[in-house]
Amino acid sequence: MNYKQIASYDNFMLANMTLGLLQENEIDCHLKDENIVTIDPLLNPAVGGIKLMVEDKDYEQAVILMKDAEAAYLKDIPCPYCKSHALAVEEKIDKPESFWGKLKNQIAYGQESTYSKKYRCQNCKSLIDELPASF
């Protein structure tokens, strides 16, 4: 069986919640490097976090399940500025084609491509780095 990384976490609780969601939907998956990060959180950047690995054949279904779960969760979170329930995910992947762009990312971030995820309120257009608590 071939496994593919679908997500990386620095929080073991979120990693296990996502693992449980996928396993409930009969998707073959497991966590990699969970013990290392849980025992010594300072090693998180060195190993790249807790990796959620999904079997190749289940990858597309897993992506859909994770996006649907996040969209449902976002409906319950109010914007910290205007208090409306209109948050949406904004993902950015910087995957340069040029040698110099790849080298810059390799030196600055330790990898050729970078990924960032933020949330934007569709009502007031505020950009939020991390989600506020839902309660």
C-alpha atoms as a PDB file:
ATOM      1  CA  MET A   1       0.000   0.000   0.000  1.00  0.00           C
ATOM      2  CA  ASN A   2       1.210   3.488  -0.841  1.00  0.00           C
ATOM      3  CA  TYR A   3       0.435   6.330   1.521  1.00  0.00           C
ATOM      4  CA  LYS A   4       0.435  10.043   0.788  1.00  0.00           C
ATOM      5  CA  GLN A   5       0.616  12.949   3.249  1.00  0.00           C
ATOM      6  CA  ILE A   6      -2.630  14.882   3.317  1.00  0.00           C
ATOM      7  CA  ALA A   7      -1.976  17.229   6.261  1.00  0.00           C
ATOM      8  CA  SER A   8       0.540  18.187   8.918  1.00  0.00           C
ATOM      9  CA  TYR A   9      -0.308  19.242  12.486  1.00  0.00           C
ATOM     10  CA  ASP A  10       1.529  20.684  15.455  1.00  0.00           C
ATOM     11  CA  ASN A  11      -1.335  19.751  17.776  1.00  0.00           C
ATOM     12  CA  PHE A  12      -1.888  16.049  18.525  1.00  0.00           C
ATOM     13  CA  MET A  13      -5.541  16.599  19.460  1.00  0.00           C
ATOM     14  CA  LEU A  14      -6.463  18.093  16.090  1.00  0.00           C
ATOM     15  CA  ALA A  15      -4.446  15.407  14.313  1.00  0.00           C
ATOM     16  CA  ASN A  16      -6.311  12.647  16.161  1.00  0.00           C
ATOM     17  CA  MET A  17      -9.707  14.296  15.603  1.00  0.00           C
ATOM     18  CA  THR A  18      -9.049  14.407  11.856  1.00  0.00           C
ATOM     19  CA  LEU A  19      -7.752  10.829  11.923  1.00  0.00           C
ATOM     20  CA  GLY A  20     -10.958   9.753  13.667  1.00  0.00           C
ATOM     21  CA  LEU A  21     -13.114  11.547  11.094  1.00  0.00           C
ATOM     22  CA  LEU A  22     -11.382   9.754   8.246  1.00  0.00           C
ATOM     23  CA  GLN A  23     -11.422   6.368   9.954  1.00  0.00           C
ATOM     24  CA  GLU A  24     -15.160   6.722  10.693  1.00  0.00           C
ATOM     25  CA  ASN A  25     -15.646   7.094   6.953  1.00  0.00           C
ATOM     26  CA  GLU A  26     -13.618   3.925   6.303  1.00  0.00           C
ATOM     27  CA  ILE A  27     -10.561   5.678   4.896  1.00  0.00           C
ATOM     28  CA  ASP A  28      -7.271   3.850   5.407  1.00  0.00           C
ATOM     29  CA  CYS A  29      -4.973   6.315   7.202  1.00  0.00           C
ATOM     30  CA  HIS A  30      -2.508   6.707  10.061  1.00  0.00           C
ATOM     31  CA  LEU A  31      -0.431   9.342  11.863  1.00  0.00           C
ATOM     32  CA  LYS A  32       3.317   9.566  11.369  1.00  0.00           C
ATOM     33  CA  ASP A  33       5.727  11.172  13.889  1.00  0.00           C
ATOM     34  CA  GLU A  34       2.961  11.637  16.475  1.00  0.00           C
ATOM     35  CA  ASN A  35       5.049  10.213  19.321  1.00  0.00           C
ATOM     36  CA  ILE A  36       8.087  12.353  18.541  1.00  0.00           C
ATOM     37  CA  VAL A  37       6.113  15.612  18.491  1.00  0.00           C
ATOM     38  CA  THR A  38       4.001  14.687  21.531  1.00  0.00           C
ATOM     39  CA  ILE A  39       6.993  13.728  23.672  1.00  0.00           C
ATOM     40  CA  ASP A  40       9.193  16.669  22.630  1.00  0.00           C
ATOM     41  CA  PRO A  41       7.281  19.541  20.974  1.00  0.00           C
ATOM     42  CA  LEU A  42      10.568  21.351  20.279  1.00  0.00           C
ATOM     43  CA  LEU A  43      11.296  18.711  17.620  1.00  0.00           C
ATOM     44  CA  ASN A  44       8.120  19.664  15.710  1.00  0.00           C
ATOM     45  CA  PRO A  45       9.898  21.922  13.162  1.00  0.00           C
ATOM     46  CA  ALA A  46      12.677  19.370  12.683  1.00  0.00           C
ATOM     47  CA  VAL A  47      10.352  16.498  11.734  1.00  0.00           C
ATOM     48  CA  GLY A  48       7.693  18.595   9.988  1.00  0.00           C
ATOM     49  CA  GLY A  49       4.918  18.057  12.508  1.00  0.00           C
ATOM     50  CA  ILE A  50       2.509  15.177  12.921  1.00  0.00           C
ATOM     51  CA  LYS A  51       1.748  13.916   9.432  1.00  0.00           C
ATOM     52  CA  LEU A  52      -1.633  12.487   8.483  1.00  0.00           C
ATOM     53  CA  MET A  53      -0.992   9.786   5.900  1.00  0.00           C
ATOM     54  CA  VAL A  54      -3.788   8.503   3.635  1.00  0.00           C
ATOM     55  CA  GLU A  55      -3.723   5.607   1.209  1.00  0.00           C
ATOM     56  CA  ASP A  56      -3.454   6.797  -2.408  1.00  0.00           C
ATOM     57  CA  LYS A  57      -6.819   5.363  -3.449  1.00  0.00           C
ATOM     58  CA  ASP A  58      -8.627   7.243  -0.647  1.00  0.00           C
ATOM     59  CA  TYR A  59      -6.826  10.577  -1.036  1.00  0.00           C
ATOM     60  CA  GLU A  60      -9.503  12.470  -3.026  1.00  0.00           C
ATOM     61  CA  GLN A  61     -12.324  11.306  -0.759  1.00  0.00           C
ATOM     62  CA  ALA A  62     -10.307  12.298   2.318  1.00  0.00           C
ATOM     63  CA  VAL A  63      -9.703  15.810   0.946  1.00  0.00           C
ATOM     64  CA  ILE A  64     -13.440  16.261   0.341  1.00  0.00           C
ATOM     65  CA  LEU A  65     -14.329  15.024   3.852  1.00  0.00           C
ATOM     66  CA  MET A  66     -11.776  17.324   5.493  1.00  0.00           C
ATOM     67  CA  LYS A  67     -12.938  20.378   3.508  1.00  0.00           C
ATOM     68  CA  ASP A  68     -16.604  19.642   4.271  1.00  0.00           C
ATOM     69  CA  ALA A  69     -15.848  19.255   7.994  1.00  0.00           C
ATOM     70  CA  GLU A  70     -13.932  22.539   8.058  1.00  0.00           C
ATOM     71  CA  ALA A  71     -16.733  24.365   6.199  1.00  0.00           C
ATOM     72  CA  ALA A  72     -19.290  23.046   8.697  1.00  0.00           C
ATOM     73  CA  TYR A  73     -17.067  24.139  11.592  1.00  0.00           C
ATOM     74  CA  LEU A  74     -16.590  27.625  10.111  1.00  0.00           C
ATOM     75  CA  LYS A  75     -20.362  28.173  10.093  1.00  0.00           C
ATOM     76  CA  ASP A  76     -20.296  28.146  13.916  1.00  0.00           C
ATOM     77  CA  ILE A  77     -17.410  30.629  14.273  1.00  0.00           C
ATOM     78  CA  PRO A  78     -18.292  34.344  14.323  1.00  0.00           C
ATOM     79  CA  CYS A  79     -15.946  36.932  12.867  1.00  0.00           C
ATOM     80  CA  PRO A  80     -14.087  38.603  15.765  1.00  0.00           C
ATOM     81  CA  TYR A  81     -14.657  42.027  14.182  1.00  0.00           C
ATOM     82  CA  CYS A  82     -18.230  42.130  12.816  1.00  0.00           C
ATOM     83  CA  LYS A  83     -19.621  39.038  14.631  1.00  0.00           C
ATOM     84  CA  SER A  84     -21.170  37.627  11.442  1.00  0.00           C
ATOM     85  CA  HIS A  85     -20.911  33.917  10.621  1.00  0.00           C
ATOM     86  CA  ALA A  86     -19.276  34.402   7.231  1.00  0.00           C
ATOM     87  CA  LEU A  87     -15.708  33.094   7.500  1.00  0.00           C
ATOM     88  CA  ALA A  88     -14.111  31.407   4.489  1.00  0.00           C
ATOM     89  CA  VAL A  89     -10.765  29.677   4.014  1.00  0.00           C
ATOM     90  CA  GLU A  90      -8.004  31.323   1.960  1.00  0.00           C
ATOM     91  CA  GLU A  91      -5.164  28.972   1.070  1.00  0.00           C
ATOM     92  CA  LYS A  92      -1.965  30.005  -0.660  1.00  0.00           C
ATOM     93  CA  ILE A  93       0.646  27.663  -2.104  1.00  0.00           C
ATOM     94  CA  ASP A  94       3.912  29.230  -3.227  1.00  0.00           C
ATOM     95  CA  LYS A  95       5.545  26.709  -5.555  1.00  0.00           C
ATOM     96  CA  PRO A  96       8.096  28.640  -7.624  1.00  0.00           C
ATOM     97  CA  GLU A  97       9.197  27.284 -10.987  1.00  0.00           C
ATOM     98  CA  SER A  98      12.557  29.025 -11.150  1.00  0.00           C
ATOM     99  CA  PHE A  99      15.723  27.702  -9.552  1.00  0.00           C
ATOM    100  CA  TRP A 100      16.201  30.948  -7.586  1.00  0.00           C
ATOM    101  CA  GLY A 101      12.657  30.885  -6.236  1.00  0.00           C
ATOM    102  CA  LYS A 102      13.060  27.289  -5.094  1.00  0.00           C
ATOM    103  CA  LEU A 103      16.450  28.115  -3.544  1.00  0.00           C
ATOM    104  CA  LYS A 104      14.997  31.117  -1.701  1.00  0.00           C
ATOM    105  CA  ASN A 105      12.225  28.976  -0.205  1.00  0.00           C
ATOM    106  CA  GLN A 106      14.677  26.186   0.641  1.00  0.00           C
ATOM    107  CA  ILE A 107      16.940  28.601   2.533  1.00  0.00           C
ATOM    108  CA  ALA A 108      14.180  30.618   4.203  1.00  0.00           C
ATOM    109  CA  TYR A 109      11.667  27.847   5.005  1.00  0.00           C
ATOM    110  CA  GLY A 110      13.537  24.554   4.591  1.00  0.00           C
ATOM    111  CA  GLN A 111      11.372  23.412   1.673  1.00  0.00           C
ATOM    112  CA  GLU A 112      10.899  24.291  -1.984  1.00  0.00           C
ATOM    113  CA  SER A 113       7.217  25.199  -1.715  1.00  0.00           C
ATOM    114  CA  THR A 114       5.320  26.961   1.055  1.00  0.00           C
ATOM    115  CA  TYR A 115       1.704  26.760   2.171  1.00  0.00           C
ATOM    116  CA  SER A 116      -0.320  29.214   4.213  1.00  0.00           C
ATOM    117  CA  LYS A 117      -3.901  29.147   5.391  1.00  0.00           C
ATOM    118  CA  LYS A 118      -5.879  32.116   6.641  1.00  0.00           C
ATOM    119  CA  TYR A 119      -9.539  32.981   7.065  1.00  0.00           C
ATOM    120  CA  ARG A 120     -11.404  35.919   5.534  1.00  0.00           C
ATOM    121  CA  CYS A 121     -14.749  37.282   6.659  1.00  0.00           C
ATOM    122  CA  GLN A 122     -17.019  37.555   3.630  1.00  0.00           C
ATOM    123  CA  ASN A 123     -18.979  40.330   5.354  1.00  0.00           C
ATOM    124  CA  CYS A 124     -16.323  42.822   6.551  1.00  0.00           C
ATOM    125  CA  LYS A 125     -13.389  41.383   4.496  1.00  0.00           C
ATOM    126  CA  SER A 126     -11.117  41.097   7.576  1.00  0.00           C
ATOM    127  CA  LEU A 127      -8.235  38.624   7.301  1.00  0.00           C
ATOM    128  CA  ILE A 128      -7.697  36.366  10.330  1.00  0.00           C
ATOM    129  CA  ASP A 129      -4.549  34.291  10.881  1.00  0.00           C
ATOM    130  CA  GLU A 130      -6.065  31.873  13.397  1.00  0.00           C
ATOM    131  CA  LEU A 131      -9.641  31.001  14.183  1.00  0.00           C
ATOM    132  CA  PRO A 132     -11.100  32.446  17.365  1.00  0.00           C
ATOM    133  CA  ALA A 133     -12.672  30.041  19.858  1.00  0.00           C
ATOM    134  CA  SER A 134     -16.159  28.884  18.916  1.00  0.00           C
ATOM    135  CA  PHE A 135     -17.564  29.348  22.413  1.00  0.00           C
END
